[in-house]
Protein backbone atom coordinates (compact mmCIF):
# COMPACT_ATOMS: atom_id res chain seq x y z
CA MET A 1 -57.94 -69.60 120.24
CA ARG A 2 -57.93 -73.20 119.22
CA LYS A 3 -55.52 -72.91 116.31
CA ASN A 4 -53.00 -70.89 118.34
CA PHE A 5 -53.00 -73.42 120.95
CA TYR A 6 -52.44 -76.22 118.45
CA LEU A 7 -49.68 -74.13 116.85
CA ILE A 8 -47.85 -73.64 120.28
CA ILE A 9 -48.01 -77.45 120.88
CA ILE A 10 -46.68 -78.26 117.63
CA SER A 11 -43.76 -75.74 117.77
CA PHE A 12 -43.00 -77.15 121.53
CA CYS A 13 -42.65 -80.53 119.72
CA LEU A 14 -40.53 -79.47 116.98
CA SER A 15 -38.06 -77.47 119.41
CA SER A 16 -35.01 -78.92 120.97
CA CYS A 17 -32.96 -77.75 123.71
CA TYR A 18 -29.75 -79.50 121.93
CA THR A 19 -27.89 -77.33 119.55
CA TYR A 20 -24.77 -77.98 117.63
CA GLN A 21 -22.09 -75.47 119.21
CA VAL A 22 -18.33 -74.87 118.38
CA LYS A 23 -15.89 -75.24 121.00
CA LYS A 24 -13.89 -72.10 121.08
CA PRO A 25 -10.47 -71.94 122.21
CA ALA A 26 -9.04 -69.69 125.05
CA ASP A 27 -9.05 -66.26 123.90
CA PRO A 28 -5.74 -64.42 124.32
CA ALA A 29 -7.82 -61.05 124.22
CA THR A 30 -9.21 -61.96 127.89
CA ASP A 31 -5.89 -62.50 128.98
CA ASN A 32 -4.61 -59.31 127.79
CA LYS A 33 -7.52 -57.52 129.67
CA GLN A 34 -6.63 -59.20 132.94
CA ASP A 35 -3.08 -58.33 132.61
CA SER A 36 -4.04 -54.68 131.89
CA LYS A 37 -5.87 -54.60 135.10
CA ARG A 38 -2.85 -56.14 136.88
CA ASN A 39 -0.74 -53.32 135.40
CA ALA A 40 -3.41 -50.91 136.34
CA ALA A 41 -3.17 -52.10 140.19
CA LEU A 42 0.51 -51.74 140.02
CA ALA A 43 0.49 -48.18 138.63
CA ASN A 44 -1.37 -47.17 141.82
CA ASN A 45 1.40 -48.75 144.15
CA ALA A 46 4.63 -48.19 142.10
CA SER A 47 6.40 -45.44 140.36
CA SER A 48 5.81 -44.46 136.73
CA GLU A 49 9.13 -46.05 135.59
CA GLN A 50 8.40 -49.35 137.02
CA VAL A 51 5.09 -49.42 135.40
CA LYS A 52 6.28 -48.40 132.17
CA SER A 53 8.90 -51.30 132.11
CA SER A 54 6.41 -53.90 133.34
CA ILE A 55 3.92 -52.99 130.66
CA SER A 56 6.24 -52.96 127.96
CA GLU A 57 7.40 -56.70 129.30
CA SER A 58 3.82 -57.82 129.33
CA GLN A 59 3.03 -56.29 125.77
CA SER A 60 5.94 -58.18 124.28
CA GLN A 61 4.96 -61.17 125.91
CA ASN A 62 1.42 -60.89 124.87
CA SER A 63 2.15 -59.60 121.26
CA GLN A 64 3.30 -62.88 120.07
CA PRO A 65 1.03 -65.62 121.19
CA ALA A 66 1.77 -69.08 120.01
CA PRO A 67 -1.24 -70.52 117.70
CA VAL A 68 -2.47 -73.38 119.23
CA PRO A 69 -2.71 -76.54 117.01
CA ILE A 70 -6.23 -78.23 116.69
CA ASN A 71 -5.87 -81.81 116.43
CA VAL A 72 -9.00 -83.17 114.84
CA GLN A 73 -8.60 -86.60 116.43
CA GLU A 74 -8.65 -85.33 119.85
CA LYS A 75 -11.74 -83.23 119.06
CA LEU A 76 -14.00 -86.10 117.46
CA ALA A 77 -14.69 -88.70 120.24
CA SER A 78 -16.63 -91.92 119.46
CA ASN A 79 -20.20 -92.42 120.04
CA LYS A 80 -20.84 -88.57 120.22
CA LYS A 81 -22.88 -86.32 118.07
CA TYR A 82 -21.08 -83.94 115.77
CA LYS A 83 -21.56 -81.31 112.87
CA ILE A 84 -18.49 -81.48 110.58
CA ASP A 85 -17.74 -79.55 107.25
CA VAL A 86 -15.90 -81.57 104.69
CA ASP A 87 -14.73 -80.02 101.32
CA GLY A 88 -17.71 -77.61 101.87
CA LYS A 89 -20.15 -79.89 102.62
CA SER A 90 -22.01 -80.29 106.11
CA TYR A 91 -22.48 -83.39 107.82
CA LYS A 92 -24.44 -84.52 110.82
CA ILE A 93 -22.53 -87.50 112.13
CA ILE A 94 -22.18 -89.96 114.93
CA VAL A 95 -18.48 -90.76 115.47
CA ASP A 96 -18.00 -94.53 115.12
CA LYS A 97 -14.02 -94.74 115.41
CA TRP A 98 -11.00 -93.76 114.01
CA GLU A 99 -8.55 -95.92 111.77
CA SER A 100 -5.38 -94.51 111.59
CA ASP A 101 -6.00 -90.97 110.10
CA SER A 102 -9.35 -92.03 108.61
CA LEU A 103 -12.46 -90.99 110.43
CA VAL A 104 -15.32 -93.71 110.43
CA ALA A 105 -18.74 -92.33 111.03
CA HIS A 106 -22.43 -92.58 110.18
CA PRO A 107 -25.06 -90.04 109.62
CA ILE A 108 -27.53 -89.32 112.36
CA SER A 109 -30.57 -90.18 110.23
CA ASN A 110 -29.06 -93.31 108.42
CA PRO A 111 -27.19 -95.34 110.70
CA LYS A 112 -26.77 -98.41 108.49
CA LYS A 113 -24.79 -95.74 105.85
CA ILE A 114 -20.79 -95.45 106.52
CA LEU A 115 -18.65 -92.38 105.91
CA LYS A 116 -15.08 -92.26 105.78
CA PHE A 117 -13.07 -89.02 106.13
CA HIS A 118 -9.21 -88.35 106.00
CA LYS A 119 -8.50 -86.01 108.93
CA ASN A 120 -7.08 -83.24 106.42
CA GLN A 121 -10.64 -83.34 104.76
CA ILE A 122 -12.34 -82.15 107.83
CA ASN A 123 -12.41 -78.29 108.55
CA SER A 124 -11.28 -78.46 112.31
CA GLU A 125 -12.66 -74.72 112.79
CA LYS A 126 -16.18 -75.96 111.86
CA ILE A 127 -16.43 -78.86 114.04
CA ALA A 128 -19.70 -78.39 116.24
CA GLU A 129 -20.65 -80.84 118.85
CA LYS A 130 -24.07 -81.39 119.94
CA ARG A 131 -24.97 -80.06 123.33
CA PHE A 132 -27.73 -78.83 125.71
CA SER A 133 -28.38 -75.19 125.36
CA GLN A 134 -29.73 -73.75 128.88
CA PRO A 135 -30.97 -70.47 127.19
CA ILE A 136 -33.30 -72.36 124.83
CA ALA A 137 -34.47 -74.57 127.54
CA ASP A 138 -35.33 -71.28 129.74
CA ILE A 139 -37.25 -69.82 127.16
CA ILE A 140 -39.18 -73.16 126.26
CA THR A 141 -39.83 -73.45 129.91
CA VAL A 142 -41.03 -70.00 130.41
CA THR A 143 -43.30 -70.06 127.33
CA ALA A 144 -44.88 -73.41 128.76
CA TYR A 145 -45.63 -71.63 132.05
CA ALA A 146 -47.25 -68.80 130.11
CA GLY A 147 -49.46 -71.18 128.07
CA ILE A 148 -50.48 -73.15 131.01
CA GLY A 149 -51.41 -69.86 132.86
CA VAL A 150 -53.25 -68.67 129.86
CA LEU A 151 -55.14 -72.04 129.59
CA ILE A 152 -56.09 -71.72 133.36
CA TRP A 153 -57.09 -68.19 132.99
CA SER A 154 -59.11 -68.73 129.90
CA LEU A 155 -60.82 -71.80 131.77
CA LEU A 156 -61.75 -69.61 134.69
CA LYS A 157 -63.15 -66.72 132.75
């Protein structure tokens, strides 16, 4: 029982509610679903010819979504923690500043070391920002309450 208790305490000390999460741009598929719901509502109120024309118009508009250009300089703000992928290698960094087209940052573990990357070297699809994760926090909270409950139950027994 004592070994399990120590194991639980150590696991709580090593776990963190902060994770690196990639920001995803707005998904055009969700827009298509909303448009299809609107078209279904129109079908109930309008004749079939009007619905066919509105569906074909919405499909022609949604079939060619414009790709959203991703600007690395806008994604990486100073004094924030990120996990970036540069030339196949992953770095956990704190952004210091932008000098023209170059990112000046330092690793989280070593603030004295300075890293410089050109914006074309950084994989913009794999930029992950360090954020608070509510599901992980909820799991840790429920587990802590359960552990306290077991501890009280074992003391009373």
